[in-house]
Amino acid sequence: MKRLFLLLPLLAIVAATGCFWVEEEYVAVVPDSVGTNATATAADSGVTLAVAKTLASLPVAPGLSFHLVAEDSESRAKALVSATDGNAPDGFLATEDDYGFVRDLSKSIDSARLRAFGNPPAGQICLIERLPGNLYGPVFVEAEPAFRQVAAMRSCKAETDPMNERNIVSATFGKRDAQAFAAVTSANAMKPETDGRRLAIVLGDAVLCAPLILEPIRDGRFVISGSFSRDEAEILAKLIGSSDPAAAGGPAPFIWDIFQTSADPANP
């Protein structure tokens, strides 16, 4: 199993930078009828009852896409967020401290306008990733996916790393996806003379996480590690593990709209 943050020989490593992380507890926005087995789920997995209800309510995703993050994405995103004109994509509001955006739940997200936000250069699009503290930020990625998921995951679950007690997500692709993943990670892994590339895992217009590729991952088995609480790891595992290109339905909605937090969108 490939691990994150463990610089050991013969292990392919993907370091999670800017991954699924939030400082405040998620509260699920779900009907009262959802989550018949939520109490049992909460007891078995150690997540809160609210998160257990969320896990029960999440739809099967229509498949993930994987986009290489532009090498200058971080600097361009910082400049964009710190613009003094209150610049923010449709469906979001700029914060007064210029740290990020907050979601304006009274407005929907227009995918085409979002992807053109920030005037990305030819061949790139702008997407949104979750940041700490109830915030969102832009990330610039290559418009053409490095690869798209073609089959359901063989497995994906939240676990605790026995070596450091870090919450992790372990996943295994099917054979065809494993081959594509191997090609992408081999071509973009860290080398003695170059830094590795970040690879955004995208559902709809939401970046679930954007790990750094440190070494090739050739067998389709990988671990995502970061500053996750158990709840966050469980939700990330659910979002990745339930993705299936064969699932019926149109494009995925902005997945974070399933959640609400204690912050007022207009006053974070």
C-alpha atoms as a PDB file:
ATOM      1  CA  MET A   1       0.000   0.000   0.000  1.00  0.00           C
ATOM      2  CA  LYS A   2       1.403   3.374  -1.015  1.00  0.00           C
ATOM      3  CA  ARG A   3       1.594   5.869   1.801  1.00  0.00           C
ATOM      4  CA  LEU A   4       1.669   9.617   2.178  1.00  0.00           C
ATOM      5  CA  PHE A   5       4.328  11.555   4.055  1.00  0.00           C
ATOM      6  CA  LEU A   6       6.358   8.400   4.726  1.00  0.00           C
ATOM      7  CA  LEU A   7       9.697   8.740   2.957  1.00  0.00           C
ATOM      8  CA  LEU A   8      10.528   5.050   2.919  1.00  0.00           C
ATOM      9  CA  PRO A   9      12.258   3.061   0.141  1.00  0.00           C
ATOM     10  CA  LEU A  10      10.132   1.401  -2.490  1.00  0.00           C
ATOM     11  CA  LEU A  11       6.957   3.168  -1.415  1.00  0.00           C
ATOM     12  CA  ALA A  12       5.140   5.443  -3.820  1.00  0.00           C
ATOM     13  CA  ILE A  13       4.183   8.590  -1.987  1.00  0.00           C
ATOM     14  CA  VAL A  14       1.506  11.191  -2.563  1.00  0.00           C
ATOM     15  CA  ALA A  15       1.702  14.022  -0.060  1.00  0.00           C
ATOM     16  CA  ALA A  16      -1.642  15.709   0.580  1.00  0.00           C
ATOM     17  CA  THR A  17      -1.316  19.488   0.308  1.00  0.00           C
ATOM     18  CA  GLY A  18      -4.454  21.590   0.638  1.00  0.00           C
ATOM     19  CA  CYS A  19      -6.590  18.520   1.104  1.00  0.00           C
ATOM     20  CA  PHE A  20     -10.051  18.017   2.576  1.00  0.00           C
ATOM     21  CA  TRP A  21      -9.715  19.997   5.789  1.00  0.00           C
ATOM     22  CA  VAL A  22     -11.902  22.294   7.840  1.00  0.00           C
ATOM     23  CA  GLU A  23     -11.584  23.637  11.368  1.00  0.00           C
ATOM     24  CA  GLU A  24     -15.293  23.676  12.169  1.00  0.00           C
ATOM     25  CA  GLU A  25     -17.578  20.683  12.449  1.00  0.00           C
ATOM     26  CA  TYR A  26     -19.719  19.879   9.447  1.00  0.00           C
ATOM     27  CA  VAL A  27     -23.464  19.727  10.011  1.00  0.00           C
ATOM     28  CA  ALA A  28     -25.343  17.700   7.461  1.00  0.00           C
ATOM     29  CA  VAL A  29     -28.264  19.224   5.563  1.00  0.00           C
ATOM     30  CA  VAL A  30     -30.379  16.106   5.136  1.00  0.00           C
ATOM     31  CA  PRO A  31     -34.047  15.178   5.488  1.00  0.00           C
ATOM     32  CA  ASP A  32     -35.127  13.691   8.810  1.00  0.00           C
ATOM     33  CA  SER A  33     -36.018  10.478   6.980  1.00  0.00           C
ATOM     34  CA  VAL A  34     -32.430   9.923   5.858  1.00  0.00           C
ATOM     35  CA  GLY A  35     -29.970   7.841   7.836  1.00  0.00           C
ATOM     36  CA  THR A  36     -32.041   5.020   9.314  1.00  0.00           C
ATOM     37  CA  ASN A  37     -28.797   3.252  10.228  1.00  0.00           C
ATOM     38  CA  ALA A  38     -26.913   6.435  11.057  1.00  0.00           C
ATOM     39  CA  THR A  39     -26.666   5.639  14.763  1.00  0.00           C
ATOM     40  CA  ALA A  40     -25.061   2.285  14.016  1.00  0.00           C
ATOM     41  CA  THR A  41     -22.752   3.887  11.469  1.00  0.00           C
ATOM     42  CA  ALA A  42     -21.673   6.500  13.987  1.00  0.00           C
ATOM     43  CA  ALA A  43     -20.997   3.838  16.595  1.00  0.00           C
ATOM     44  CA  ASP A  44     -19.051   1.615  14.183  1.00  0.00           C
ATOM     45  CA  SER A  45     -16.889   4.298  12.566  1.00  0.00           C
ATOM     46  CA  GLY A  46     -16.495   6.765  15.408  1.00  0.00           C
ATOM     47  CA  VAL A  47     -17.942   9.713  13.470  1.00  0.00           C
ATOM     48  CA  THR A  48     -20.567  12.077  14.804  1.00  0.00           C
ATOM     49  CA  LEU A  49     -24.223  11.292  14.231  1.00  0.00           C
ATOM     50  CA  ALA A  50     -24.542  14.348  11.947  1.00  0.00           C
ATOM     51  CA  VAL A  51     -21.728  13.082   9.742  1.00  0.00           C
ATOM     52  CA  ALA A  52     -23.180   9.568   9.760  1.00  0.00           C
ATOM     53  CA  LYS A  53     -26.433  11.024   8.400  1.00  0.00           C
ATOM     54  CA  THR A  54     -24.439  12.860   5.751  1.00  0.00           C
ATOM     55  CA  LEU A  55     -22.684   9.666   4.684  1.00  0.00           C
ATOM     56  CA  ALA A  56     -26.065   7.991   4.285  1.00  0.00           C
ATOM     57  CA  SER A  57     -27.402  10.901   2.235  1.00  0.00           C
ATOM     58  CA  LEU A  58     -24.565  11.289  -0.270  1.00  0.00           C
ATOM     59  CA  PRO A  59     -25.515  10.180  -3.781  1.00  0.00           C
ATOM     60  CA  VAL A  60     -23.366   7.908  -5.894  1.00  0.00           C
ATOM     61  CA  ALA A  61     -21.047  10.239  -7.764  1.00  0.00           C
ATOM     62  CA  PRO A  62     -20.903   9.935 -11.562  1.00  0.00           C
ATOM     63  CA  GLY A  63     -17.135   9.486 -11.582  1.00  0.00           C
ATOM     64  CA  LEU A  64     -14.039  11.474 -10.736  1.00  0.00           C
ATOM     65  CA  SER A  65     -11.683  13.365 -12.992  1.00  0.00           C
ATOM     66  CA  PHE A  66      -8.025  13.970 -12.216  1.00  0.00           C
ATOM     67  CA  HIS A  67      -6.419  17.218 -13.362  1.00  0.00           C
ATOM     68  CA  LEU A  68      -2.815  18.313 -13.023  1.00  0.00           C
ATOM     69  CA  VAL A  69      -2.573  21.548 -11.040  1.00  0.00           C
ATOM     70  CA  ALA A  70      -0.810  24.414 -12.797  1.00  0.00           C
ATOM     71  CA  GLU A  71       2.673  24.949 -11.406  1.00  0.00           C
ATOM     72  CA  ASP A  72       1.956  28.625 -10.704  1.00  0.00           C
ATOM     73  CA  SER A  73      -1.540  27.991  -9.319  1.00  0.00           C
ATOM     74  CA  GLU A  74      -0.700  28.913  -5.736  1.00  0.00           C
ATOM     75  CA  SER A  75       0.818  32.294  -6.537  1.00  0.00           C
ATOM     76  CA  ARG A  76      -1.936  33.175  -8.993  1.00  0.00           C
ATOM     77  CA  ALA A  77      -4.648  32.116  -6.550  1.00  0.00           C
ATOM     78  CA  LYS A  78      -3.161  34.274  -3.784  1.00  0.00           C
ATOM     79  CA  ALA A  79      -3.028  37.276  -6.085  1.00  0.00           C
ATOM     80  CA  LEU A  80      -6.599  36.668  -7.192  1.00  0.00           C
ATOM     81  CA  VAL A  81      -7.991  36.322  -3.671  1.00  0.00           C
ATOM     82  CA  SER A  82      -6.144  39.404  -2.439  1.00  0.00           C
ATOM     83  CA  ALA A  83      -7.543  41.635  -5.212  1.00  0.00           C
ATOM     84  CA  THR A  84      -8.936  44.823  -3.720  1.00  0.00           C
ATOM     85  CA  ASP A  85     -12.107  44.927  -5.814  1.00  0.00           C
ATOM     86  CA  GLY A  86     -13.915  42.192  -3.890  1.00  0.00           C
ATOM     87  CA  ASN A  87     -13.434  39.779  -6.751  1.00  0.00           C
ATOM     88  CA  ALA A  88     -15.161  36.417  -6.248  1.00  0.00           C
ATOM     89  CA  PRO A  89     -16.685  33.812  -8.550  1.00  0.00           C
ATOM     90  CA  ASP A  90     -20.457  33.513  -8.919  1.00  0.00           C
ATOM     91  CA  GLY A  91     -21.929  31.776  -5.883  1.00  0.00           C
ATOM     92  CA  PHE A  92     -19.190  32.999  -3.539  1.00  0.00           C
ATOM     93  CA  LEU A  93     -18.386  36.154  -1.579  1.00  0.00           C
ATOM     94  CA  ALA A  94     -14.965  37.667  -0.937  1.00  0.00           C
ATOM     95  CA  THR A  95     -13.930  38.017   2.706  1.00  0.00           C
ATOM     96  CA  GLU A  96     -12.759  41.302   4.186  1.00  0.00           C
ATOM     97  CA  ASP A  97      -9.374  39.856   5.169  1.00  0.00           C
ATOM     98  CA  ASP A  98      -8.674  38.673   1.604  1.00  0.00           C
ATOM     99  CA  TYR A  99      -7.933  35.156   2.829  1.00  0.00           C
ATOM    100  CA  GLY A 100     -10.468  33.291   0.728  1.00  0.00           C
ATOM    101  CA  PHE A 101     -14.113  33.094  -0.353  1.00  0.00           C
ATOM    102  CA  VAL A 102     -17.232  32.012   1.500  1.00  0.00           C
ATOM    103  CA  ARG A 103     -20.172  30.256  -0.103  1.00  0.00           C
ATOM    104  CA  ASP A 104     -23.244  32.361  -0.881  1.00  0.00           C
ATOM    105  CA  LEU A 105     -25.927  29.696  -0.590  1.00  0.00           C
ATOM    106  CA  SER A 106     -28.547  32.064  -2.006  1.00  0.00           C
ATOM    107  CA  LYS A 107     -26.866  31.761  -5.409  1.00  0.00           C
ATOM    108  CA  SER A 108     -26.081  28.736  -7.535  1.00  0.00           C
ATOM    109  CA  ILE A 109     -22.735  28.086  -9.164  1.00  0.00           C
ATOM    110  CA  ASP A 110     -22.488  28.511 -12.925  1.00  0.00           C
ATOM    111  CA  SER A 111     -19.867  25.968 -13.988  1.00  0.00           C
ATOM    112  CA  ALA A 112     -18.897  27.749 -17.186  1.00  0.00           C
ATOM    113  CA  ARG A 113     -18.430  31.103 -15.423  1.00  0.00           C
ATOM    114  CA  LEU A 114     -16.550  29.481 -12.543  1.00  0.00           C
ATOM    115  CA  ARG A 115     -14.091  27.757 -14.849  1.00  0.00           C
ATOM    116  CA  ALA A 116     -13.343  31.064 -16.577  1.00  0.00           C
ATOM    117  CA  PHE A 117     -12.885  32.939 -13.300  1.00  0.00           C
ATOM    118  CA  GLY A 118      -9.500  34.585 -12.907  1.00  0.00           C
ATOM    119  CA  ASN A 119      -8.904  34.624 -16.665  1.00  0.00           C
ATOM    120  CA  PRO A 120      -6.985  31.342 -16.789  1.00  0.00           C
ATOM    121  CA  PRO A 121      -4.590  31.015 -19.722  1.00  0.00           C
ATOM    122  CA  ALA A 122      -5.426  28.783 -22.660  1.00  0.00           C
ATOM    123  CA  GLY A 123      -5.605  25.151 -21.638  1.00  0.00           C
ATOM    124  CA  GLN A 124      -6.475  25.850 -18.000  1.00  0.00           C
ATOM    125  CA  ILE A 125      -9.648  26.213 -15.921  1.00  0.00           C
ATOM    126  CA  CYS A 126     -10.369  27.519 -12.434  1.00  0.00           C
ATOM    127  CA  LEU A 127     -11.930  25.220  -9.832  1.00  0.00           C
ATOM    128  CA  ILE A 128     -12.663  25.582  -6.119  1.00  0.00           C
ATOM    129  CA  GLU A 129     -11.143  23.704  -3.191  1.00  0.00           C
ATOM    130  CA  ARG A 130     -12.088  23.740   0.465  1.00  0.00           C
ATOM    131  CA  LEU A 131      -9.720  25.634   2.792  1.00  0.00           C
ATOM    132  CA  PRO A 132      -9.486  25.679   6.602  1.00  0.00           C
ATOM    133  CA  GLY A 133     -11.951  27.775   8.533  1.00  0.00           C
ATOM    134  CA  ASN A 134     -15.081  27.628   6.378  1.00  0.00           C
ATOM    135  CA  LEU A 135     -13.333  29.139   3.366  1.00  0.00           C
ATOM    136  CA  TYR A 136     -12.855  28.271  -0.289  1.00  0.00           C
ATOM    137  CA  GLY A 137     -10.079  29.155  -2.681  1.00  0.00           C
ATOM    138  CA  PRO A 138      -9.420  29.007  -6.426  1.00  0.00           C
ATOM    139  CA  VAL A 139      -7.075  26.434  -7.909  1.00  0.00           C
ATOM    140  CA  PHE A 140      -5.929  26.537 -11.528  1.00  0.00           C
ATOM    141  CA  VAL A 141      -5.752  23.170 -13.253  1.00  0.00           C
ATOM    142  CA  GLU A 142      -5.210  21.853 -16.739  1.00  0.00           C
ATOM    143  CA  ALA A 143      -8.541  21.859 -18.558  1.00  0.00           C
ATOM    144  CA  GLU A 144      -7.974  18.426 -20.061  1.00  0.00           C
ATOM    145  CA  PRO A 145      -8.030  15.748 -17.344  1.00  0.00           C
ATOM    146  CA  ALA A 146      -4.861  13.735 -16.897  1.00  0.00           C
ATOM    147  CA  PHE A 147      -7.328  10.852 -16.786  1.00  0.00           C
ATOM    148  CA  ARG A 148     -10.945  10.130 -15.946  1.00  0.00           C
ATOM    149  CA  GLN A 149     -12.160   7.328 -13.745  1.00  0.00           C
ATOM    150  CA  VAL A 150     -13.696   4.553 -15.861  1.00  0.00           C
ATOM    151  CA  ALA A 151     -14.800   2.047 -13.197  1.00  0.00           C
ATOM    152  CA  ALA A 152     -15.882   1.989  -9.579  1.00  0.00           C
ATOM    153  CA  MET A 153     -13.176   1.853  -6.919  1.00  0.00           C
ATOM    154  CA  ARG A 154     -12.351  -1.628  -5.724  1.00  0.00           C
ATOM    155  CA  SER A 155     -12.150  -0.274  -2.192  1.00  0.00           C
ATOM    156  CA  CYS A 156     -11.947   3.012  -0.353  1.00  0.00           C
ATOM    157  CA  LYS A 157     -12.146   3.517   3.386  1.00  0.00           C
ATOM    158  CA  ALA A 158     -11.044   5.753   6.235  1.00  0.00           C
ATOM    159  CA  GLU A 159      -8.435   4.222   8.513  1.00  0.00           C
ATOM    160  CA  THR A 160      -5.931   5.128  11.204  1.00  0.00           C
ATOM    161  CA  ASP A 161      -2.275   4.799  10.296  1.00  0.00           C
ATOM    162  CA  PRO A 162      -0.797   2.508  12.986  1.00  0.00           C
ATOM    163  CA  MET A 163       2.627   4.134  12.600  1.00  0.00           C
ATOM    164  CA  ASN A 164       1.608   7.674  13.517  1.00  0.00           C
ATOM    165  CA  GLU A 165      -2.137   7.474  14.353  1.00  0.00           C
ATOM    166  CA  ARG A 166      -2.887   9.872  11.510  1.00  0.00           C
ATOM    167  CA  ASN A 167      -6.342   9.629   9.917  1.00  0.00           C
ATOM    168  CA  ILE A 168      -5.952   8.439   6.349  1.00  0.00           C
ATOM    169  CA  VAL A 169      -8.005   7.349   3.349  1.00  0.00           C
ATOM    170  CA  SER A 170      -6.853   4.172   1.635  1.00  0.00           C
ATOM    171  CA  ALA A 171      -8.157   3.359  -1.835  1.00  0.00           C
ATOM    172  CA  THR A 172      -7.662   0.898  -4.664  1.00  0.00           C
ATOM    173  CA  PHE A 173      -8.480   1.498  -8.325  1.00  0.00           C
ATOM    174  CA  GLY A 174      -9.718  -1.151 -10.719  1.00  0.00           C
ATOM    175  CA  LYS A 175      -7.200  -2.471 -13.257  1.00  0.00           C
ATOM    176  CA  ARG A 176      -7.847   0.027 -16.079  1.00  0.00           C
ATOM    177  CA  ASP A 177      -7.806   3.027 -13.761  1.00  0.00           C
ATOM    178  CA  ALA A 178      -4.685   1.693 -12.033  1.00  0.00           C
ATOM    179  CA  GLN A 179      -2.859   1.644 -15.368  1.00  0.00           C
ATOM    180  CA  ALA A 180      -3.866   5.231 -16.151  1.00  0.00           C
ATOM    181  CA  PHE A 181      -2.933   6.358 -12.642  1.00  0.00           C
ATOM    182  CA  ALA A 182       0.462   4.695 -12.965  1.00  0.00           C
ATOM    183  CA  ALA A 183       1.149   6.543 -16.212  1.00  0.00           C
ATOM    184  CA  VAL A 184       0.173   9.918 -14.735  1.00  0.00           C
ATOM    185  CA  THR A 185       2.092   9.511 -11.488  1.00  0.00           C
ATOM    186  CA  SER A 186       5.161   8.145 -13.269  1.00  0.00           C
ATOM    187  CA  ALA A 187       5.291  11.111 -15.638  1.00  0.00           C
ATOM    188  CA  ASN A 188       4.700  13.728 -12.941  1.00  0.00           C
ATOM    189  CA  ALA A 189       6.416  12.354  -9.836  1.00  0.00           C
ATOM    190  CA  MET A 190       9.196  14.168  -8.042  1.00  0.00           C
ATOM    191  CA  LYS A 191      12.619  13.552  -9.585  1.00  0.00           C
ATOM    192  CA  PRO A 192      16.105  14.604  -8.469  1.00  0.00           C
ATOM    193  CA  GLU A 193      16.003  17.597 -10.783  1.00  0.00           C
ATOM    194  CA  THR A 194      12.298  18.488 -10.605  1.00  0.00           C
ATOM    195  CA  ASP A 195       9.499  18.931  -8.104  1.00  0.00           C
ATOM    196  CA  GLY A 196       6.461  16.677  -8.291  1.00  0.00           C
ATOM    197  CA  ARG A 197       3.148  17.968  -9.647  1.00  0.00           C
ATOM    198  CA  ARG A 198      -0.067  18.257  -7.687  1.00  0.00           C
ATOM    199  CA  LEU A 199      -2.974  16.182  -8.966  1.00  0.00           C
ATOM    200  CA  ALA A 200      -6.461  17.512  -8.228  1.00  0.00           C
ATOM    201  CA  ILE A 201      -9.145  14.898  -7.555  1.00  0.00           C
ATOM    202  CA  VAL A 202     -12.279  16.562  -8.866  1.00  0.00           C
ATOM    203  CA  LEU A 203     -15.978  15.846  -8.397  1.00  0.00           C
ATOM    204  CA  GLY A 204     -18.075  18.240 -10.442  1.00  0.00           C
ATOM    205  CA  ASP A 205     -16.513  21.639  -9.781  1.00  0.00           C
ATOM    206  CA  ALA A 206     -15.234  20.726  -6.318  1.00  0.00           C
ATOM    207  CA  VAL A 207     -11.624  19.730  -5.718  1.00  0.00           C
ATOM    208  CA  LEU A 208     -11.769  16.984  -3.098  1.00  0.00           C
ATOM    209  CA  CYS A 209      -8.024  17.229  -2.580  1.00  0.00           C
ATOM    210  CA  ALA A 210      -4.930  18.042  -4.614  1.00  0.00           C
ATOM    211  CA  PRO A 211      -2.068  15.783  -3.511  1.00  0.00           C
ATOM    212  CA  LEU A 212       1.553  16.193  -4.490  1.00  0.00           C
ATOM    213  CA  ILE A 213       2.963  13.293  -6.527  1.00  0.00           C
ATOM    214  CA  LEU A 214       6.270  12.295  -4.998  1.00  0.00           C
ATOM    215  CA  GLU A 215       6.767   8.842  -6.536  1.00  0.00           C
ATOM    216  CA  PRO A 216       5.034   6.663  -9.139  1.00  0.00           C
ATOM    217  CA  ILE A 217       2.082   4.591  -7.924  1.00  0.00           C
ATOM    218  CA  ARG A 218       2.034   1.568 -10.181  1.00  0.00           C
ATOM    219  CA  ASP A 219      -0.441  -0.870  -8.605  1.00  0.00           C
ATOM    220  CA  GLY A 220      -3.461   1.407  -8.118  1.00  0.00           C
ATOM    221  CA  ARG A 221      -3.265   1.252  -4.322  1.00  0.00           C
ATOM    222  CA  PHE A 222      -2.694   4.528  -2.534  1.00  0.00           C
ATOM    223  CA  VAL A 223      -3.209   6.397   0.729  1.00  0.00           C
ATOM    224  CA  ILE A 224      -4.274  10.012   1.157  1.00  0.00           C
ATOM    225  CA  SER A 225      -3.006  11.537   4.363  1.00  0.00           C
ATOM    226  CA  GLY A 226      -3.336  15.031   5.767  1.00  0.00           C
ATOM    227  CA  SER A 227      -4.683  17.013   8.699  1.00  0.00           C
ATOM    228  CA  PHE A 228      -7.978  15.125   8.669  1.00  0.00           C
ATOM    229  CA  SER A 229     -10.297  14.593  11.578  1.00  0.00           C
ATOM    230  CA  ARG A 230     -11.974  11.200  11.589  1.00  0.00           C
ATOM    231  CA  ASP A 231     -15.187  12.792  10.306  1.00  0.00           C
ATOM    232  CA  GLU A 232     -13.361  14.428   7.414  1.00  0.00           C
ATOM    233  CA  ALA A 233     -11.570  11.215   6.471  1.00  0.00           C
ATOM    234  CA  GLU A 234     -14.867   9.308   6.486  1.00  0.00           C
ATOM    235  CA  ILE A 235     -16.551  11.885   4.228  1.00  0.00           C
ATOM    236  CA  LEU A 236     -13.615  12.006   1.819  1.00  0.00           C
ATOM    237  CA  ALA A 237     -13.566   8.201   1.639  1.00  0.00           C
ATOM    238  CA  LYS A 238     -17.302   8.183   0.945  1.00  0.00           C
ATOM    239  CA  LEU A 239     -17.003  10.760  -1.837  1.00  0.00           C
ATOM    240  CA  ILE A 240     -14.119   8.957  -3.538  1.00  0.00           C
ATOM    241  CA  GLY A 241     -15.309   5.416  -2.876  1.00  0.00           C
ATOM    242  CA  SER A 242     -18.886   5.916  -4.099  1.00  0.00           C
ATOM    243  CA  SER A 243     -17.808   7.458  -7.400  1.00  0.00           C
ATOM    244  CA  ASP A 244     -18.797   5.330 -10.376  1.00  0.00           C
ATOM    245  CA  PRO A 245     -18.844   6.481 -14.017  1.00  0.00           C
ATOM    246  CA  ALA A 246     -21.653   3.997 -14.655  1.00  0.00           C
ATOM    247  CA  ALA A 247     -23.940   5.821 -12.219  1.00  0.00           C
ATOM    248  CA  ALA A 248     -27.002   7.454 -13.736  1.00  0.00           C
ATOM    249  CA  GLY A 249     -27.482  11.182 -13.572  1.00  0.00           C
ATOM    250  CA  GLY A 250     -25.965  14.352 -14.903  1.00  0.00           C
ATOM    251  CA  PRO A 251     -22.933  16.319 -13.737  1.00  0.00           C
ATOM    252  CA  ALA A 252     -22.271  16.335 -10.013  1.00  0.00           C
ATOM    253  CA  PRO A 253     -23.481  19.373  -8.057  1.00  0.00           C
ATOM    254  CA  PHE A 254     -21.060  21.439  -6.019  1.00  0.00           C
ATOM    255  CA  ILE A 255     -20.642  18.781  -3.355  1.00  0.00           C
ATOM    256  CA  TRP A 256     -19.941  21.119  -0.435  1.00  0.00           C
ATOM    257  CA  ASP A 257     -23.472  22.511  -0.692  1.00  0.00           C
ATOM    258  CA  ILE A 258     -24.593  19.353   1.085  1.00  0.00           C
ATOM    259  CA  PHE A 259     -23.048  20.853   4.193  1.00  0.00           C
ATOM    260  CA  GLN A 260     -23.750  23.941   6.208  1.00  0.00           C
ATOM    261  CA  THR A 261     -21.508  25.269   8.969  1.00  0.00           C
ATOM    262  CA  SER A 262     -21.900  27.621  11.854  1.00  0.00           C
ATOM    263  CA  ALA A 263     -20.526  30.591   9.896  1.00  0.00           C
ATOM    264  CA  ASP A 264     -22.917  32.996   8.206  1.00  0.00           C
ATOM    265  CA  PRO A 265     -21.963  33.030   4.497  1.00  0.00           C
ATOM    266  CA  ALA A 266     -22.019  36.829   4.503  1.00  0.00           C
ATOM    267  CA  ASN A 267     -20.097  37.154   7.779  1.00  0.00           C
ATOM    268  CA  PRO A 268     -17.471  34.383   8.169  1.00  0.00           C
END
